Amino acid sequence: MWLVRMAWKNLWRNSHRTLIAMASIFFAVLLSVVTNSLQDGVFDNLVKNVVSFYSGYIQVHRQGYWDERILDNTFGEDDSLEQHIRGGQNITAVAPRLESFALASSQELTKGCMVVGIDPESEDQITSLSSKIAQGKYLNDNDHDVLIGQGLAKRLNVQLGDTIVLLGQGYQGATAAGKYAIQGIVKFGSPELNDQALFLSLEEAQVLYGAEGRLTSYVLGLDNPLYLDETAAVVKSTLTADFEVMTWEEMMPEIIQHIQTDKGSMYIIQGVLYLLVALGILGTLLMMMVERKYEMGMLVAIGMKKTKLMQLMIMESVVTVLTGCAAGLLVSFPVVYWLHEYPIRISGKMGDVYEQFGFEPVYPGSTDPAIFVSQGLIVLMVGLLLSLYPVIRIARLDPVQAMKK
């Protein structure tokens, strides 16, 4: 205990030097936490945008459907199954779908499209489809009209209120044909969806394809995406072997590869950041050793053991690093929360590019507690490791040379 008290008194004998040392640790923690918070926040926002395009976080299909997405691999609509899935923890919404392909025709123009039969209310809870309406209005359960992607409407040269004809292959080889008015035009950020997507009410799609009472998938919305794999595992364990449960990561591996590539480059930037942090702390320690060289030489000369002096210096370093880390973490909490609630917004042409592809032009902060813990520990370990430098200098200290001015 005497060692702590003496170390604390020694630190404040020169308050300017101590404050500079603590400030270097403080800003290192603050910069490290904010940088990682923004990085994770951008990736979380990317995932949220991608998932809200179309896929949802988790999908339930009949076994083998994802490898061969045809109507013969559908399963029977079952209210008890849907309620069973909906009752799982962390699941906020379940949207049934019937998906297939068809030729969409308007006068002399024809284009292949992806037809999606949806329950309008539950679909909107997961993908916010109603917010993507550029013209017209959203679907109701009993509507016999369609929503069409903006790009597909342009390719077919149709507008709101025009009629299109759908022709395709239905369930078990039946012919699927129907004529529908355009009730709304939706705009997606994804060019692929924008050029292909066409939405019908679920009942109307089942009639079109002769697949009454059948579904291709249940799409699940989650309360907390951090528990994605755990939720998928729980859902899978409660279903029979006739069904497959897939996360968005399994359905869209290219997004994961993109994130991993970006994270790889961020690791390099973080490495440079930690190097700068280490140099800043080391510079402060060098300054301290130069200023206290005479003092240490005199203490050893009058009989103080080097081991005691080493213990004192280690304690001073520990107190300095811990205080700086604690202050940095305390200040980083409100800063990260502010960035989470009021994210950095990108304006100008770069912001327009983000919006064209359906991404919010923002850099939000992530409030994941692991960021604060990991970055605080990293800077703490760097500081404690560098604090061994004064110990090594004391071990080699020559008191006579040290007291020479």
Protein backbone atom coordinates (compact mmCIF):
# COMPACT_ATOMS: atom_id res chain seq x y z
CA MET A 1 0.00 0.00 0.00
CA TRP A 2 2.91 2.33 0.77
CA LEU A 3 4.11 1.74 -2.79
CA VAL A 4 0.83 3.01 -4.24
CA ARG A 5 0.80 6.09 -2.02
CA MET A 6 4.41 6.94 -2.86
CA ALA A 7 3.81 6.38 -6.57
CA TRP A 8 0.76 8.67 -6.48
CA LYS A 9 2.73 11.42 -4.68
CA ASN A 10 5.63 11.11 -7.11
CA LEU A 11 3.31 11.43 -10.09
CA TRP A 12 1.89 14.74 -8.89
CA ARG A 13 5.20 16.26 -7.93
CA ASN A 14 5.37 17.22 -11.59
CA SER A 15 1.72 17.53 -12.60
CA HIS A 16 2.47 18.76 -16.14
CA ARG A 17 4.55 15.67 -16.95
CA THR A 18 1.95 13.34 -15.44
CA LEU A 19 -0.93 15.00 -17.27
CA ILE A 20 0.94 14.73 -20.57
CA ALA A 21 1.55 11.02 -19.95
CA MET A 22 -2.09 10.41 -19.03
CA ALA A 23 -3.28 12.49 -21.97
CA SER A 24 -1.33 10.29 -24.40
CA ILE A 25 -3.08 7.19 -23.00
CA PHE A 26 -6.44 9.00 -22.89
CA PHE A 27 -6.37 10.05 -26.56
CA ALA A 28 -5.05 6.64 -27.60
CA VAL A 29 -8.05 4.90 -26.03
CA LEU A 30 -10.52 7.48 -27.33
CA LEU A 31 -9.19 7.36 -30.90
CA SER A 32 -9.01 3.57 -30.90
CA VAL A 33 -12.57 3.12 -29.59
CA VAL A 34 -14.12 5.69 -31.95
CA THR A 35 -12.28 4.27 -34.99
CA ASN A 36 -13.43 0.72 -34.27
CA SER A 37 -16.95 1.89 -33.43
CA LEU A 38 -17.28 3.62 -36.80
CA GLN A 39 -15.84 0.60 -38.62
CA ASP A 40 -18.28 -1.86 -37.01
CA GLY A 41 -21.11 0.64 -37.37
CA VAL A 42 -20.55 0.94 -41.12
CA PHE A 43 -20.53 -2.85 -41.55
CA ASP A 44 -23.64 -3.26 -39.36
CA ASN A 45 -25.41 -0.62 -41.43
CA LEU A 46 -24.32 -2.36 -44.65
CA VAL A 47 -25.77 -5.65 -43.42
CA LYS A 48 -29.01 -3.93 -42.36
CA ASN A 49 -29.38 -2.36 -45.80
CA VAL A 50 -28.57 -5.56 -47.67
CA VAL A 51 -30.95 -7.65 -45.54
CA SER A 52 -33.75 -5.10 -45.88
CA PHE A 53 -33.46 -5.25 -49.68
CA TYR A 54 -34.99 -8.66 -49.92
CA SER A 55 -33.50 -11.65 -48.10
CA GLY A 56 -34.34 -11.04 -44.43
CA TYR A 57 -31.96 -12.40 -41.78
CA ILE A 58 -33.06 -16.05 -41.93
CA GLN A 59 -35.12 -18.10 -44.39
CA VAL A 60 -36.82 -21.48 -43.96
CA HIS A 61 -37.21 -23.62 -47.12
CA ARG A 62 -38.04 -27.15 -48.00
CA GLN A 63 -34.87 -29.29 -48.01
CA GLY A 64 -33.04 -28.85 -51.33
CA TYR A 65 -34.95 -25.75 -52.45
CA TRP A 66 -31.93 -23.42 -52.41
CA ASP A 67 -30.00 -25.71 -54.79
CA GLU A 68 -32.97 -26.05 -57.16
CA ARG A 69 -35.39 -23.16 -56.79
CA ILE A 70 -38.45 -24.52 -58.57
CA LEU A 71 -42.10 -24.64 -57.54
CA ASP A 72 -42.00 -28.42 -57.21
CA ASN A 73 -39.75 -27.87 -54.17
CA THR A 74 -42.39 -25.86 -52.30
CA PHE A 75 -44.06 -26.95 -49.07
CA GLY A 76 -47.61 -26.77 -47.80
CA GLU A 77 -48.75 -23.63 -46.01
CA ASP A 78 -49.16 -24.48 -42.33
CA ASP A 79 -50.43 -21.99 -39.75
CA SER A 80 -49.18 -24.12 -36.86
CA LEU A 81 -45.68 -24.23 -38.40
CA GLU A 82 -45.66 -20.46 -38.86
CA GLN A 83 -46.83 -19.88 -35.29
CA HIS A 84 -44.21 -22.34 -34.06
CA ILE A 85 -41.45 -20.39 -35.82
CA ARG A 86 -42.89 -17.03 -34.78
CA GLY A 87 -42.85 -18.10 -31.12
CA GLY A 88 -39.05 -18.43 -31.06
CA GLN A 89 -36.93 -15.99 -29.08
CA ASN A 90 -35.35 -13.08 -30.97
CA ILE A 91 -37.83 -13.47 -33.88
CA THR A 92 -39.92 -10.36 -34.49
CA ALA A 93 -41.71 -11.26 -37.74
CA VAL A 94 -42.31 -14.17 -40.11
CA ALA A 95 -43.23 -13.50 -43.74
CA PRO A 96 -44.49 -16.30 -46.04
CA ARG A 97 -43.52 -16.12 -49.71
CA LEU A 98 -44.10 -17.87 -52.99
CA GLU A 99 -41.32 -17.04 -55.45
CA SER A 100 -40.89 -18.00 -59.08
CA PHE A 101 -40.03 -16.60 -62.50
CA ALA A 102 -42.16 -15.49 -65.44
CA LEU A 103 -42.07 -13.53 -68.68
CA ALA A 104 -43.64 -10.08 -68.26
CA SER A 105 -45.07 -8.61 -71.43
CA SER A 106 -46.43 -5.21 -72.39
CA GLN A 107 -47.49 -4.78 -76.00
CA GLU A 108 -44.38 -5.70 -78.02
CA LEU A 109 -41.90 -5.74 -75.12
CA THR A 110 -41.07 -8.82 -73.04
CA LYS A 111 -38.72 -9.23 -70.09
CA GLY A 112 -37.99 -12.04 -67.65
CA CYS A 113 -38.85 -11.16 -64.06
CA MET A 114 -38.88 -12.59 -60.55
CA VAL A 115 -42.45 -12.88 -59.25
CA VAL A 116 -42.82 -12.78 -55.47
CA GLY A 117 -46.08 -13.54 -53.72
CA ILE A 118 -46.12 -11.84 -50.33
CA ASP A 119 -48.24 -11.22 -47.29
CA PRO A 120 -48.09 -7.40 -47.47
CA GLU A 121 -48.21 -6.71 -43.73
CA SER A 122 -45.58 -9.21 -42.55
CA GLU A 123 -43.35 -8.52 -45.56
CA ASP A 124 -43.32 -4.83 -44.72
CA GLN A 125 -42.22 -5.59 -41.16
CA ILE A 126 -39.05 -7.27 -42.44
CA THR A 127 -38.04 -5.49 -45.66
CA SER A 128 -39.95 -2.20 -45.30
CA LEU A 129 -41.26 -2.70 -48.83
CA SER A 130 -43.88 0.04 -48.50
CA SER A 131 -41.13 2.62 -47.94
CA LYS A 132 -39.67 1.75 -51.36
CA ILE A 133 -42.83 2.79 -53.23
CA ALA A 134 -41.79 5.47 -55.74
CA GLN A 135 -45.24 5.80 -57.35
CA GLY A 136 -48.70 4.49 -56.58
CA LYS A 137 -49.64 2.63 -53.40
CA TYR A 138 -48.72 -0.48 -51.46
CA LEU A 139 -50.54 -3.82 -51.72
CA ASN A 140 -53.35 -5.13 -49.54
CA ASP A 141 -54.15 -8.79 -48.95
CA ASN A 142 -57.08 -8.80 -51.37
CA ASP A 143 -55.49 -6.76 -54.18
CA HIS A 144 -55.32 -8.33 -57.64
CA ASP A 145 -52.79 -5.83 -58.98
CA VAL A 146 -48.98 -5.83 -58.89
CA LEU A 147 -46.01 -3.83 -57.67
CA ILE A 148 -43.23 -3.61 -60.23
CA GLY A 149 -39.57 -2.62 -59.96
CA GLN A 150 -38.71 0.79 -61.41
CA GLY A 151 -36.06 -0.67 -63.71
CA LEU A 152 -38.40 -3.39 -64.96
CA ALA A 153 -41.13 -0.81 -65.62
CA LYS A 154 -38.66 1.23 -67.67
CA ARG A 155 -37.58 -1.79 -69.70
CA LEU A 156 -41.22 -2.69 -70.43
CA ASN A 157 -42.09 0.95 -71.07
CA VAL A 158 -45.06 0.85 -68.70
CA GLN A 159 -46.41 3.31 -66.17
CA LEU A 160 -48.73 3.33 -63.19
CA GLY A 161 -52.15 1.92 -64.17
CA ASP A 162 -50.88 0.08 -67.28
CA THR A 163 -51.52 -3.64 -67.72
CA ILE A 164 -48.89 -6.36 -68.05
CA VAL A 165 -49.23 -10.05 -68.88
CA LEU A 166 -47.31 -12.73 -66.93
CA LEU A 167 -46.54 -16.09 -68.54
CA GLY A 168 -44.59 -18.91 -66.91
CA GLN A 169 -44.59 -22.48 -65.65
CA GLY A 170 -46.69 -23.26 -62.61
CA TYR A 171 -46.70 -25.97 -59.97
CA GLN A 172 -46.20 -29.52 -61.32
CA GLY A 173 -45.82 -28.34 -64.91
CA ALA A 174 -49.06 -26.37 -65.16
CA THR A 175 -49.18 -23.23 -67.30
CA ALA A 176 -49.13 -19.96 -65.38
CA ALA A 177 -50.73 -16.98 -67.10
CA GLY A 178 -52.38 -13.82 -65.86
CA LYS A 179 -53.07 -10.18 -66.66
CA TYR A 180 -52.53 -7.51 -63.99
CA ALA A 181 -52.71 -3.77 -63.59
CA ILE A 182 -49.71 -1.92 -62.11
CA GLN A 183 -50.72 -0.56 -58.70
CA GLY A 184 -47.31 0.70 -57.63
CA ILE A 185 -43.73 1.15 -58.78
CA VAL A 186 -40.99 0.31 -56.29
CA LYS A 187 -37.42 1.58 -56.35
CA PHE A 188 -34.66 -0.64 -54.98
CA GLY A 189 -31.07 0.30 -54.41
CA SER A 190 -29.99 -3.06 -55.82
CA PRO A 191 -29.92 -2.76 -59.65
CA GLU A 192 -30.61 -6.49 -59.97
CA LEU A 193 -33.79 -6.30 -57.91
CA ASN A 194 -34.83 -3.05 -59.54
CA ASP A 195 -34.69 -4.68 -63.00
CA GLN A 196 -36.41 -7.96 -62.07
CA ALA A 197 -38.73 -7.72 -59.06
CA LEU A 198 -42.50 -7.93 -59.34
CA PHE A 199 -44.77 -8.40 -56.31
CA LEU A 200 -48.25 -9.91 -55.97
CA SER A 201 -50.31 -10.67 -52.92
CA LEU A 202 -49.58 -14.21 -51.74
CA GLU A 203 -53.05 -15.53 -52.59
CA GLU A 204 -52.92 -14.05 -56.10
CA ALA A 205 -49.47 -15.56 -56.73
CA GLN A 206 -50.71 -18.99 -55.59
CA VAL A 207 -53.62 -18.78 -58.01
CA LEU A 208 -51.31 -17.66 -60.85
CA TYR A 209 -48.99 -20.65 -60.43
CA GLY A 210 -51.65 -23.18 -59.53
CA ALA A 211 -49.94 -23.61 -56.15
CA GLU A 212 -52.82 -22.92 -53.79
CA GLY A 213 -51.75 -23.31 -50.18
CA ARG A 214 -48.05 -23.70 -51.03
CA LEU A 215 -44.97 -21.62 -50.14
CA THR A 216 -41.33 -21.47 -51.16
CA SER A 217 -40.07 -19.90 -47.92
CA TYR A 218 -40.66 -18.25 -44.60
CA VAL A 219 -38.54 -15.11 -44.14
CA LEU A 220 -37.62 -14.23 -40.55
CA GLY A 221 -36.93 -10.83 -39.02
CA LEU A 222 -34.76 -10.64 -35.89
CA ASP A 223 -34.81 -8.41 -32.83
CA ASN A 224 -31.04 -8.64 -32.31
CA PRO A 225 -28.95 -9.60 -35.40
CA LEU A 226 -25.94 -10.32 -33.14
CA TYR A 227 -27.59 -13.65 -32.28
CA LEU A 228 -28.12 -14.63 -35.92
CA ASP A 229 -26.37 -18.02 -35.82
CA GLU A 230 -27.81 -18.94 -32.43
CA THR A 231 -31.35 -18.11 -33.59
CA ALA A 232 -30.92 -20.09 -36.82
CA ALA A 233 -29.64 -23.09 -34.84
CA VAL A 234 -32.63 -22.96 -32.48
CA VAL A 235 -35.11 -22.72 -35.39
CA LYS A 236 -33.37 -25.60 -37.17
CA SER A 237 -33.46 -27.79 -34.06
CA THR A 238 -37.24 -27.38 -33.76
CA LEU A 239 -38.01 -28.32 -37.39
CA THR A 240 -37.97 -31.70 -39.08
CA ALA A 241 -35.35 -32.82 -41.60
CA ASP A 242 -37.77 -31.83 -44.40
CA PHE A 243 -36.75 -28.18 -43.94
CA GLU A 244 -33.52 -26.22 -44.36
CA VAL A 245 -32.74 -23.08 -42.36
CA MET A 246 -30.34 -20.58 -43.97
CA THR A 247 -28.94 -17.29 -42.72
CA TRP A 248 -28.37 -14.32 -45.01
CA GLU A 249 -24.63 -15.05 -44.75
CA GLU A 250 -25.16 -18.46 -46.34
CA MET A 251 -27.47 -17.07 -49.00
CA MET A 252 -25.21 -14.11 -49.90
CA PRO A 253 -21.58 -15.17 -49.28
CA GLU A 254 -20.34 -12.41 -51.59
CA ILE A 255 -21.37 -9.79 -49.00
CA ILE A 256 -19.34 -11.59 -46.32
CA GLN A 257 -16.32 -11.68 -48.65
CA HIS A 258 -16.69 -7.93 -49.24
CA ILE A 259 -16.81 -7.25 -45.49
CA GLN A 260 -13.82 -9.51 -44.82
CA THR A 261 -11.81 -7.74 -47.53
CA ASP A 262 -12.63 -4.35 -46.06
CA LYS A 263 -11.81 -5.55 -42.57
CA GLY A 264 -8.44 -6.79 -43.83
CA SER A 265 -7.54 -3.28 -44.98
CA MET A 266 -8.85 -1.88 -41.70
CA TYR A 267 -6.51 -4.16 -39.76
CA ILE A 268 -3.60 -2.50 -41.53
CA ILE A 269 -4.93 0.95 -40.62
CA GLN A 270 -5.43 -0.20 -37.02
CA GLY A 271 -1.87 -1.53 -36.95
CA VAL A 272 -0.60 1.90 -37.97
CA LEU A 273 -2.85 3.47 -35.32
CA TYR A 274 -1.47 1.21 -32.58
CA LEU A 275 2.07 1.98 -33.75
CA LEU A 276 1.38 5.70 -33.42
CA VAL A 277 -0.15 5.07 -29.99
CA ALA A 278 2.93 3.11 -28.89
CA LEU A 279 5.28 5.82 -30.17
CA GLY A 280 3.30 8.49 -28.34
CA ILE A 281 3.45 6.59 -25.05
CA LEU A 282 7.13 5.75 -25.53
CA GLY A 283 7.94 9.40 -26.23
CA THR A 284 6.29 10.38 -22.96
CA LEU A 285 8.29 7.74 -21.07
CA LEU A 286 11.54 8.90 -22.68
CA MET A 287 10.82 12.47 -21.60
CA MET A 288 10.09 11.28 -18.07
CA MET A 289 13.32 9.28 -17.83
CA VAL A 290 15.43 12.21 -19.02
CA GLU A 291 13.80 14.57 -16.52
CA ARG A 292 14.15 12.14 -13.60
CA LYS A 293 17.61 10.78 -14.42
CA TYR A 294 19.33 12.86 -11.69
CA GLU A 295 16.65 11.98 -9.13
CA MET A 296 17.01 8.24 -9.73
CA GLY A 297 20.80 8.39 -9.64
CA MET A 298 20.68 10.21 -6.31
CA LEU A 299 18.21 7.70 -4.79
CA VAL A 300 20.43 4.78 -5.74
CA ALA A 301 23.53 6.62 -4.50
CA ILE A 302 22.11 7.20 -1.00
CA GLY A 303 21.24 3.52 -0.64
CA MET A 304 17.86 2.81 -2.20
CA LYS A 305 17.84 -0.64 -3.78
CA LYS A 306 17.29 -0.77 -7.51
CA THR A 307 14.57 -3.43 -7.04
CA LYS A 308 12.57 -1.03 -4.85
CA LEU A 309 13.04 1.77 -7.36
CA MET A 310 11.92 -0.58 -10.15
CA GLN A 311 8.78 -1.47 -8.20
CA LEU A 312 8.06 2.21 -7.65
CA MET A 313 8.47 3.02 -11.36
CA ILE A 314 6.27 0.09 -12.39
CA MET A 315 3.58 1.24 -9.97
CA GLU A 316 3.77 4.81 -11.32
CA SER A 317 3.43 3.47 -14.87
CA VAL A 318 0.49 1.23 -13.93
CA VAL A 319 -1.34 4.09 -12.19
CA THR A 320 -0.68 6.41 -15.15
CA VAL A 321 -1.84 3.89 -17.75
CA LEU A 322 -4.92 2.78 -15.78
CA THR A 323 -6.00 6.37 -15.11
CA GLY A 324 -5.54 7.33 -18.77
CA CYS A 325 -7.45 4.24 -19.98
CA ALA A 326 -10.31 4.80 -17.52
CA ALA A 327 -10.64 8.46 -18.53
CA GLY A 328 -10.50 7.53 -22.24
CA LEU A 329 -13.25 4.91 -21.85
CA LEU A 330 -15.47 7.26 -19.82
CA VAL A 331 -15.27 9.98 -22.48
CA SER A 332 -15.62 7.52 -25.38
CA PHE A 333 -19.03 6.28 -24.12
CA PRO A 334 -20.91 9.56 -24.81
CA VAL A 335 -18.92 10.18 -28.02
CA VAL A 336 -19.83 6.78 -29.48
CA TYR A 337 -23.44 7.12 -28.31
CA TRP A 338 -23.64 10.50 -30.05
CA LEU A 339 -22.27 8.99 -33.28
CA HIS A 340 -24.80 6.17 -32.95
CA GLU A 341 -27.75 8.54 -32.53
CA TYR A 342 -26.44 11.26 -34.89
CA PRO A 343 -24.22 9.47 -37.44
CA ILE A 344 -21.81 11.25 -39.75
CA ARG A 345 -23.66 11.96 -43.00
CA ILE A 346 -22.02 11.96 -46.41
CA SER A 347 -23.26 14.71 -48.71
CA GLY A 348 -22.64 15.77 -52.27
CA LYS A 349 -21.99 13.40 -55.15
CA MET A 350 -20.62 10.64 -52.94
CA GLY A 351 -23.85 10.69 -50.91
CA ASP A 352 -25.88 10.49 -54.13
CA VAL A 353 -23.93 7.40 -55.20
CA TYR A 354 -24.67 5.72 -51.87
CA GLU A 355 -28.40 6.47 -52.20
CA GLN A 356 -28.53 5.23 -55.80
CA PHE A 357 -27.42 1.83 -54.60
CA GLY A 358 -29.86 1.80 -51.71
CA PHE A 359 -27.38 2.50 -48.91
CA GLU A 360 -27.81 5.22 -46.37
CA PRO A 361 -24.97 7.76 -46.85
CA VAL A 362 -24.07 7.64 -43.15
CA TYR A 363 -21.27 6.50 -40.86
CA PRO A 364 -22.99 5.43 -37.63
CA GLY A 365 -21.15 4.39 -34.48
CA SER A 366 -21.57 0.91 -33.04
CA THR A 367 -22.34 0.67 -29.31
CA ASP A 368 -21.20 -2.95 -29.00
CA PRO A 369 -19.65 -3.27 -25.48
CA ALA A 370 -16.95 -5.58 -26.88
CA ILE A 371 -15.42 -2.58 -28.68
CA PHE A 372 -14.83 -0.68 -25.44
CA VAL A 373 -13.45 -3.74 -23.65
CA SER A 374 -11.14 -4.89 -26.45
CA GLN A 375 -9.72 -1.46 -27.32
CA GLY A 376 -9.27 -0.51 -23.67
CA LEU A 377 -7.38 -3.75 -23.02
CA ILE A 378 -5.20 -3.35 -26.12
CA VAL A 379 -4.08 0.16 -25.19
CA LEU A 380 -3.65 -0.95 -21.57
CA MET A 381 -1.38 -3.83 -22.61
CA VAL A 382 0.63 -1.57 -24.94
CA GLY A 383 1.08 0.95 -22.12
CA LEU A 384 2.10 -1.68 -19.56
CA LEU A 385 4.50 -3.32 -22.00
CA LEU A 386 6.19 -0.02 -22.76
CA SER A 387 6.41 0.74 -19.04
CA LEU A 388 9.10 -1.92 -18.86
CA TYR A 389 11.44 0.56 -20.54
CA PRO A 390 12.05 2.62 -17.33
CA VAL A 391 12.67 -0.65 -15.46
CA ILE A 392 15.36 -1.67 -17.93
CA ARG A 393 16.97 1.78 -17.68
CA ILE A 394 17.03 1.59 -13.88
CA ALA A 395 18.59 -1.88 -13.97
CA ARG A 396 21.46 -0.41 -16.05
CA LEU A 397 21.64 2.82 -14.09
CA ASP A 398 25.05 4.12 -13.04
CA PRO A 399 24.35 6.61 -10.21
CA VAL A 400 27.55 8.56 -10.78
CA GLN A 401 26.86 9.10 -14.48
CA ALA A 402 23.19 9.81 -13.77
CA MET A 403 23.98 12.67 -11.33
CA LYS A 404 26.33 14.40 -13.74
CA LYS A 405 24.77 17.53 -15.26
